């Protein structure tokens, strides 16, 4: 099992620290450094900045938002980043959610599976450097009856095949991801539930494509907080607002994929309470309603030994790249958590 690092969103006041974290991850031998985007910093610029100041670590988008870019532009960006980084780019895609897609980009959030499939097909075709033509329900290239003509990408990526990941949560999205992608980006993964909530639908999708999970990258992100085992409850409290935001407020009452995931893991009542409080504007009450067990199962908390035990569970569940989001109030604390990750991996015998 390999380790990755997730820098999250840029522009939150920790930009210099984030670069230092990426550089330390590069030095420690982490496999990939991911950056996110929502409606603040864009991931492409951040990844270019990080790639220019690191040497070996891959840089990946987690994610490029599908409603934000035409697929041909995503192919251009992927090819450019792969070329500039010397073949170190990984392309992560996702549909985002209804609030961002419609509120920020003005793109109707409908038929996300069909849109994702067409998007991936166009991106892959464009990056082969063949002349691009496509007839689908959501995209037609070139537009019929106009002056457009099939064009081909003029930039040469460093590699013929750039790894393509999809951020997936629901069973149908996971199955399609297994079918059409090279890896899956997961969030709030509990090792105890991973076989049912992720691996089973991913395997079904691979089988549909005549493939197995061999070579497919199962890549969840887990926050990591280093401390003594007796302080695990306090460490879990650090992530209460984070969990409450996703389970309670990331999306509408009817369309919150993270809330639905919590339900599939057996936290139906808590999911209701968190969402009710969050949507009523009672964020502290929402955070208080998050069960400590849910946080503990979806993060890495405590000593290096405890974290190593949890890493063993994730590896046994089928994780191939474990992406860490090291927590800390200072840069030194975040770097210590980053180093603890490599130490834990070695103690678990997974390095």
Protein backbone atom coordinates (compact mmCIF):
# COMPACT_ATOMS: atom_id res chain seq x y z
CA UNK A 1 0.00 0.00 0.00
CA UNK A 2 1.30 3.43 -0.94
CA UNK A 3 0.73 6.75 0.80
CA UNK A 4 -0.56 10.00 -0.65
CA UNK A 5 -1.08 13.48 0.73
CA UNK A 6 -4.11 15.71 0.23
CA UNK A 7 -3.53 19.45 0.51
CA UNK A 8 -7.23 20.25 0.33
CA UNK A 9 -8.14 23.75 -0.81
CA UNK A 10 -5.56 26.45 -1.45
CA UNK A 11 -6.03 29.97 -0.17
CA UNK A 12 -7.11 29.08 3.38
CA UNK A 13 -4.19 30.88 4.98
CA UNK A 14 -1.81 27.91 4.95
CA UNK A 15 -0.39 28.19 1.44
CA UNK A 16 3.26 28.37 2.44
CA UNK A 17 2.75 25.52 4.88
CA UNK A 18 1.01 23.44 2.21
CA UNK A 19 4.00 23.75 -0.08
CA UNK A 20 6.30 22.69 2.77
CA UNK A 21 4.03 19.70 3.45
CA UNK A 22 4.15 18.69 -0.22
CA UNK A 23 7.93 19.01 -0.28
CA UNK A 24 8.31 16.92 2.87
CA UNK A 25 5.98 14.29 1.42
CA UNK A 26 8.17 14.26 -1.67
CA UNK A 27 11.27 13.75 0.49
CA UNK A 28 9.61 10.97 2.48
CA UNK A 29 8.64 9.04 -0.63
CA UNK A 30 4.87 9.63 -0.69
CA UNK A 31 3.42 8.51 -4.02
CA UNK A 32 1.06 11.38 -4.85
CA UNK A 33 0.04 14.86 -3.74
CA UNK A 34 -3.60 15.76 -4.41
CA UNK A 35 -5.19 19.22 -4.49
CA UNK A 36 -8.89 20.07 -4.42
CA UNK A 37 -11.16 22.74 -5.84
CA UNK A 38 -14.70 23.86 -5.05
CA UNK A 39 -15.45 27.57 -5.52
CA UNK A 40 -12.18 29.13 -4.40
CA UNK A 41 -8.76 28.03 -5.61
CA UNK A 42 -8.54 25.99 -8.78
CA UNK A 43 -6.58 22.75 -8.62
CA UNK A 44 -4.66 23.08 -11.90
CA UNK A 45 -2.73 26.18 -10.83
CA UNK A 46 -1.91 24.68 -7.44
CA UNK A 47 -0.65 21.45 -8.98
CA UNK A 48 1.55 23.35 -11.42
CA UNK A 49 3.03 25.29 -8.50
CA UNK A 50 3.66 22.16 -6.46
CA UNK A 51 5.07 20.16 -9.38
CA UNK A 52 7.58 22.92 -10.11
CA UNK A 53 8.94 22.71 -6.56
CA UNK A 54 9.03 18.94 -6.04
CA UNK A 55 11.04 16.21 -7.71
CA UNK A 56 9.46 12.75 -7.55
CA UNK A 57 5.96 12.87 -6.09
CA UNK A 58 3.01 12.66 -8.49
CA UNK A 59 0.53 15.54 -8.48
CA UNK A 60 -3.17 14.85 -8.87
CA UNK A 61 -6.47 16.68 -9.11
CA UNK A 62 -8.93 15.60 -6.43
CA UNK A 63 -10.85 16.78 -8.21
CA UNK A 64 -11.23 18.75 -11.41
CA UNK A 65 -14.96 19.53 -11.38
CA UNK A 66 -16.73 18.29 -14.49
CA UNK A 67 -19.21 21.22 -14.66
CA UNK A 68 -16.32 23.69 -14.53
CA UNK A 69 -14.61 22.70 -17.78
CA UNK A 70 -15.39 21.42 -21.21
CA UNK A 71 -13.87 17.94 -21.58
CA UNK A 72 -11.46 19.05 -24.30
CA UNK A 73 -10.08 21.73 -21.96
CA UNK A 74 -9.55 19.10 -19.28
CA UNK A 75 -7.60 17.02 -21.79
CA UNK A 76 -5.48 20.08 -22.62
CA UNK A 77 -4.82 20.77 -18.94
CA UNK A 78 -3.97 17.14 -18.19
CA UNK A 79 -1.57 16.92 -21.13
CA UNK A 80 0.10 20.20 -20.16
CA UNK A 81 0.52 19.25 -16.50
CA UNK A 82 1.86 15.84 -17.42
CA UNK A 83 4.37 17.42 -19.78
CA UNK A 84 5.47 20.13 -17.33
CA UNK A 85 5.82 17.69 -14.44
CA UNK A 86 7.80 15.11 -16.37
CA UNK A 87 5.04 12.51 -16.35
CA UNK A 88 3.84 12.97 -12.77
CA UNK A 89 0.22 14.00 -13.25
CA UNK A 90 -2.89 12.02 -12.24
CA UNK A 91 -6.27 13.22 -13.47
CA UNK A 92 -9.06 13.05 -10.89
CA UNK A 93 -12.59 14.01 -11.99
CA UNK A 94 -15.94 14.45 -10.27
CA UNK A 95 -19.34 15.96 -10.86
CA UNK A 96 -19.25 18.02 -7.63
CA UNK A 97 -22.74 18.56 -6.20
CA UNK A 98 -25.98 20.35 -7.08
CA UNK A 99 -25.24 23.51 -5.10
CA UNK A 100 -21.83 24.11 -6.70
CA UNK A 101 -22.74 22.88 -10.17
CA UNK A 102 -25.88 25.01 -10.46
CA UNK A 103 -25.04 27.86 -8.07
CA UNK A 104 -21.43 28.51 -9.11
CA UNK A 105 -21.13 27.17 -12.64
CA UNK A 106 -24.71 27.49 -13.88
CA UNK A 107 -24.69 23.89 -15.06
CA UNK A 108 -27.79 21.79 -14.38
CA UNK A 109 -27.01 18.86 -12.11
CA UNK A 110 -28.75 16.10 -14.02
CA UNK A 111 -27.81 12.60 -15.15
CA UNK A 112 -24.38 12.72 -13.46
CA UNK A 113 -23.49 9.16 -14.46
CA UNK A 114 -24.20 9.67 -18.15
CA UNK A 115 -22.40 13.01 -18.16
CA UNK A 116 -19.36 11.50 -16.46
CA UNK A 117 -19.19 8.61 -18.92
CA UNK A 118 -19.32 10.91 -21.95
CA UNK A 119 -16.84 13.31 -20.36
CA UNK A 120 -14.33 10.52 -19.73
CA UNK A 121 -14.74 9.17 -23.26
CA UNK A 122 -14.04 12.60 -24.77
CA UNK A 123 -11.05 13.28 -22.50
CA UNK A 124 -9.52 9.90 -23.29
CA UNK A 125 -10.09 10.31 -27.02
CA UNK A 126 -8.62 13.82 -27.04
CA UNK A 127 -5.49 12.65 -25.22
CA UNK A 128 -4.86 9.96 -27.86
CA UNK A 129 -4.16 12.93 -30.18
CA UNK A 130 -6.60 11.62 -32.76
CA UNK A 131 -8.89 14.11 -34.45
CA UNK A 132 -11.69 14.71 -32.00
CA UNK A 133 -15.25 13.97 -32.99
CA UNK A 134 -17.97 12.73 -30.69
CA UNK A 135 -21.72 12.23 -30.77
CA UNK A 136 -23.38 11.93 -27.40
CA UNK A 137 -26.41 13.09 -25.49
CA UNK A 138 -24.54 15.81 -23.61
CA UNK A 139 -21.70 16.70 -26.00
CA UNK A 140 -21.44 16.70 -29.78
CA UNK A 141 -18.11 17.59 -31.38
CA UNK A 142 -17.89 19.37 -33.73
CA UNK A 143 -21.22 21.14 -33.48
CA UNK A 144 -23.37 20.15 -36.47
CA UNK A 145 -24.09 22.63 -39.23
CA UNK A 146 -21.38 25.09 -38.27
CA UNK A 147 -17.80 25.98 -39.17
CA UNK A 148 -16.22 23.65 -36.58
CA UNK A 149 -14.05 20.77 -37.72
CA UNK A 150 -12.40 17.87 -35.88
CA UNK A 151 -9.17 19.02 -34.30
CA UNK A 152 -6.43 17.13 -32.51
CA UNK A 153 -4.44 17.95 -29.40
CA UNK A 154 -1.14 19.60 -30.30
CA UNK A 155 0.53 19.08 -26.91
CA UNK A 156 2.35 15.79 -26.34
CA UNK A 157 1.76 14.40 -22.85
CA UNK A 158 4.81 12.79 -21.27
CA UNK A 159 2.95 9.45 -21.17
CA UNK A 160 0.58 7.78 -23.58
CA UNK A 161 -1.82 6.96 -20.74
CA UNK A 162 -2.43 9.43 -17.91
CA UNK A 163 -4.06 7.69 -14.91
CA UNK A 164 -7.69 8.76 -14.62
CA UNK A 165 -9.57 8.67 -11.31
CA UNK A 166 -13.18 9.45 -10.45
CA UNK A 167 -14.46 10.68 -7.10
CA UNK A 168 -17.30 8.30 -6.29
CA UNK A 169 -19.56 7.72 -3.30
CA UNK A 170 -22.83 6.08 -4.38
CA UNK A 171 -23.06 2.44 -5.52
CA UNK A 172 -23.95 3.23 -9.13
CA UNK A 173 -21.19 5.82 -9.45
CA UNK A 174 -18.69 3.41 -7.91
CA UNK A 175 -19.69 0.65 -10.32
CA UNK A 176 -19.29 2.97 -13.31
CA UNK A 177 -15.97 4.17 -11.92
CA UNK A 178 -14.72 0.60 -11.80
CA UNK A 179 -15.79 0.19 -15.40
CA UNK A 180 -14.31 3.33 -16.98
CA UNK A 181 -11.54 4.64 -14.71
CA UNK A 182 -8.08 3.64 -13.46
CA UNK A 183 -8.82 4.48 -9.84
CA UNK A 184 -11.44 5.67 -7.37
CA UNK A 185 -11.14 8.64 -5.02
CA UNK A 186 -13.06 7.87 -1.84
CA UNK A 187 -14.01 9.97 1.18
CA UNK A 188 -15.21 8.96 4.67
CA UNK A 189 -14.04 5.38 4.16
CA UNK A 190 -14.45 3.03 7.13
CA UNK A 191 -12.28 -0.07 6.76
CA UNK A 192 -15.00 -2.11 8.47
CA UNK A 193 -17.54 -1.18 5.79
CA UNK A 194 -15.31 -0.73 2.75
CA UNK A 195 -16.03 -4.16 1.25
CA UNK A 196 -19.72 -3.35 0.98
CA UNK A 197 -19.69 0.43 0.48
CA UNK A 198 -16.94 0.55 -2.17
CA UNK A 199 -15.12 -2.63 -3.15
CA UNK A 200 -18.19 -4.65 -4.14
CA UNK A 201 -19.55 -2.08 -6.66
CA UNK A 202 -16.06 -1.29 -7.95
CA UNK A 203 -15.44 -4.98 -8.60
CA UNK A 204 -18.80 -5.25 -10.38
CA UNK A 205 -17.80 -2.41 -12.67
CA UNK A 206 -14.44 -3.97 -13.43
CA UNK A 207 -16.12 -7.27 -14.26
CA UNK A 208 -18.51 -5.44 -16.59
CA UNK A 209 -15.45 -4.17 -18.47
CA UNK A 210 -13.88 -7.64 -18.49
CA UNK A 211 -11.28 -6.61 -15.92
CA UNK A 212 -10.32 -7.34 -12.32
CA UNK A 213 -9.29 -5.03 -9.50
CA UNK A 214 -5.63 -5.83 -10.21
CA UNK A 215 -3.96 -2.54 -11.09
CA UNK A 216 -7.00 -0.49 -10.11
CA UNK A 217 -6.12 2.16 -7.50
CA UNK A 218 -8.49 2.32 -4.52
CA UNK A 219 -7.56 5.68 -3.04
CA UNK A 220 -9.43 6.99 0.03
CA UNK A 221 -8.55 10.18 1.90
CA UNK A 222 -8.32 10.07 5.69
CA UNK A 223 -7.53 12.93 8.07
CA UNK A 224 -4.71 12.03 10.46
CA UNK A 225 -4.19 13.45 13.95
CA UNK A 226 -1.18 12.31 15.94
CA UNK A 227 -1.41 12.00 19.72
CA UNK A 228 -1.61 9.65 22.65
CA UNK A 229 -4.16 6.88 22.57
CA UNK A 230 -5.75 8.13 25.79
CA UNK A 231 -6.57 11.36 23.96
CA UNK A 232 -8.38 9.78 20.99
CA UNK A 233 -11.73 11.30 22.02
CA UNK A 234 -10.20 14.79 22.05
CA UNK A 235 -8.51 14.15 18.73
CA UNK A 236 -11.85 13.04 17.28
CA UNK A 237 -13.43 16.30 18.42
CA UNK A 238 -11.02 18.12 16.09
CA UNK A 239 -12.88 16.67 13.13
CA UNK A 240 -16.45 17.17 14.33
CA UNK A 241 -17.03 20.36 12.28
CA UNK A 242 -15.52 18.69 9.20
CA UNK A 243 -17.75 15.61 9.45
CA UNK A 244 -20.83 17.69 10.29
CA UNK A 245 -20.25 19.90 7.24
CA UNK A 246 -20.24 16.96 4.86
CA UNK A 247 -22.89 14.77 6.47
CA UNK A 248 -25.15 17.71 7.34
CA UNK A 249 -24.57 20.51 4.89
CA UNK A 250 -22.83 19.34 1.73
CA UNK A 251 -25.82 19.34 -0.56
CA UNK A 252 -29.55 19.57 -0.05
CA UNK A 253 -31.72 17.45 2.21
CA UNK A 254 -32.63 15.22 -0.74
CA UNK A 255 -29.21 15.20 -2.41
CA UNK A 256 -26.41 14.76 0.10
CA UNK A 257 -24.20 11.85 -0.95
CA UNK A 258 -22.17 11.95 2.28
CA UNK A 259 -25.31 11.73 4.39
CA UNK A 260 -26.39 8.72 2.37
CA UNK A 261 -22.99 7.11 2.89
CA UNK A 262 -23.27 7.57 6.67
CA UNK A 263 -26.63 5.83 6.50
CA UNK A 264 -25.16 2.90 4.56
CA UNK A 265 -22.59 2.54 7.35
CA UNK A 266 -25.35 2.19 9.92
CA UNK A 267 -25.63 5.75 11.26
CA UNK A 268 -29.16 6.54 10.07
CA UNK A 269 -30.36 8.28 13.24
CA UNK A 270 -27.19 10.30 13.64
CA UNK A 271 -27.31 11.29 9.97
CA UNK A 272 -30.82 12.66 10.49
CA UNK A 273 -29.83 14.60 13.59
CA UNK A 274 -26.70 16.06 12.02
CA UNK A 275 -28.55 17.14 8.88
CA UNK A 276 -31.52 18.60 10.75
CA UNK A 277 -29.25 20.70 12.95
CA UNK A 278 -26.95 21.81 10.15
CA UNK A 279 -29.71 22.86 7.78
CA UNK A 280 -31.34 24.77 10.65
CA UNK A 281 -28.12 26.79 11.00
CA UNK A 282 -27.15 25.09 14.27
CA UNK A 283 -23.64 24.05 13.29
CA UNK A 284 -22.41 23.45 16.83
CA UNK A 285 -25.35 21.16 17.52
CA UNK A 286 -24.66 19.35 14.26
CA UNK A 287 -21.04 18.80 15.27
CA UNK A 288 -22.10 17.58 18.71
CA UNK A 289 -24.43 15.03 17.08
CA UNK A 290 -21.61 13.34 15.18
CA UNK A 291 -20.85 10.00 16.88
CA UNK A 292 -17.25 9.64 18.01
CA UNK A 293 -17.26 6.15 16.51
CA UNK A 294 -18.06 7.55 13.05
CA UNK A 295 -15.14 9.95 13.27
CA UNK A 296 -12.76 7.32 14.61
CA UNK A 297 -13.68 4.89 11.84
CA UNK A 298 -13.13 7.45 9.07
CA UNK A 299 -9.90 9.06 10.33
CA UNK A 300 -6.52 7.95 11.67
CA UNK A 301 -6.16 9.00 15.31
CA UNK A 302 -3.69 8.42 18.11
CA UNK A 303 -0.23 6.93 18.37
CA UNK A 304 1.90 5.60 15.54
CA UNK A 305 1.11 2.08 16.75
CA UNK A 306 -2.65 2.68 16.65
CA UNK A 307 -2.42 4.29 13.23
CA UNK A 308 -0.35 1.33 11.97
CA UNK A 309 -3.05 -1.07 13.14
CA UNK A 310 -5.68 0.93 11.26
CA UNK A 311 -3.50 1.01 8.13
CA UNK A 312 -3.33 -2.77 8.25
CA UNK A 313 -7.13 -2.89 8.28
CA UNK A 314 -7.38 -0.58 5.26
CA UNK A 315 -4.83 -2.61 3.31
CA UNK A 316 -6.73 -5.81 4.10
CA UNK A 317 -9.96 -4.14 2.95
CA UNK A 318 -8.47 -3.45 -0.49
CA UNK A 319 -6.98 0.06 -0.28
CA UNK A 320 -3.96 0.50 -2.56
CA UNK A 321 -3.14 4.19 -1.99
CA UNK A 322 -4.00 5.67 1.41
CA UNK A 323 -4.17 9.45 1.13
CA UNK A 324 -3.54 11.36 4.35
CA UNK A 325 -4.70 14.83 5.34
CA UNK A 326 -2.38 15.54 8.30
CA UNK A 327 -3.96 17.79 10.92
CA UNK A 328 -2.18 20.28 13.14
CA UNK A 329 -2.34 23.86 14.34
CA UNK A 330 1.23 24.54 13.24
CA UNK A 331 3.43 23.48 10.34
CA UNK A 332 5.61 21.45 12.71
CA UNK A 333 2.56 19.49 13.90
CA UNK A 334 1.48 18.77 10.34
CA UNK A 335 4.97 17.65 9.35
CA UNK A 336 5.14 15.42 12.42
CA UNK A 337 1.84 13.82 11.40
CA UNK A 338 3.20 13.34 7.89
CA UNK A 339 6.29 11.56 9.21
CA UNK A 340 4.12 9.47 11.51
CA UNK A 341 2.32 8.23 8.42
CA UNK A 342 5.48 6.77 6.91
CA UNK A 343 6.55 5.33 10.27
CA UNK A 344 3.15 3.70 10.74
CA UNK A 345 3.27 2.23 7.24
CA UNK A 346 6.66 0.70 7.99
CA UNK A 347 5.50 -0.67 11.37
CA UNK A 348 2.53 -2.25 9.66
CA UNK A 349 4.88 -3.95 7.20
CA UNK A 350 3.17 -2.29 4.24
CA UNK A 351 5.97 -0.07 2.95
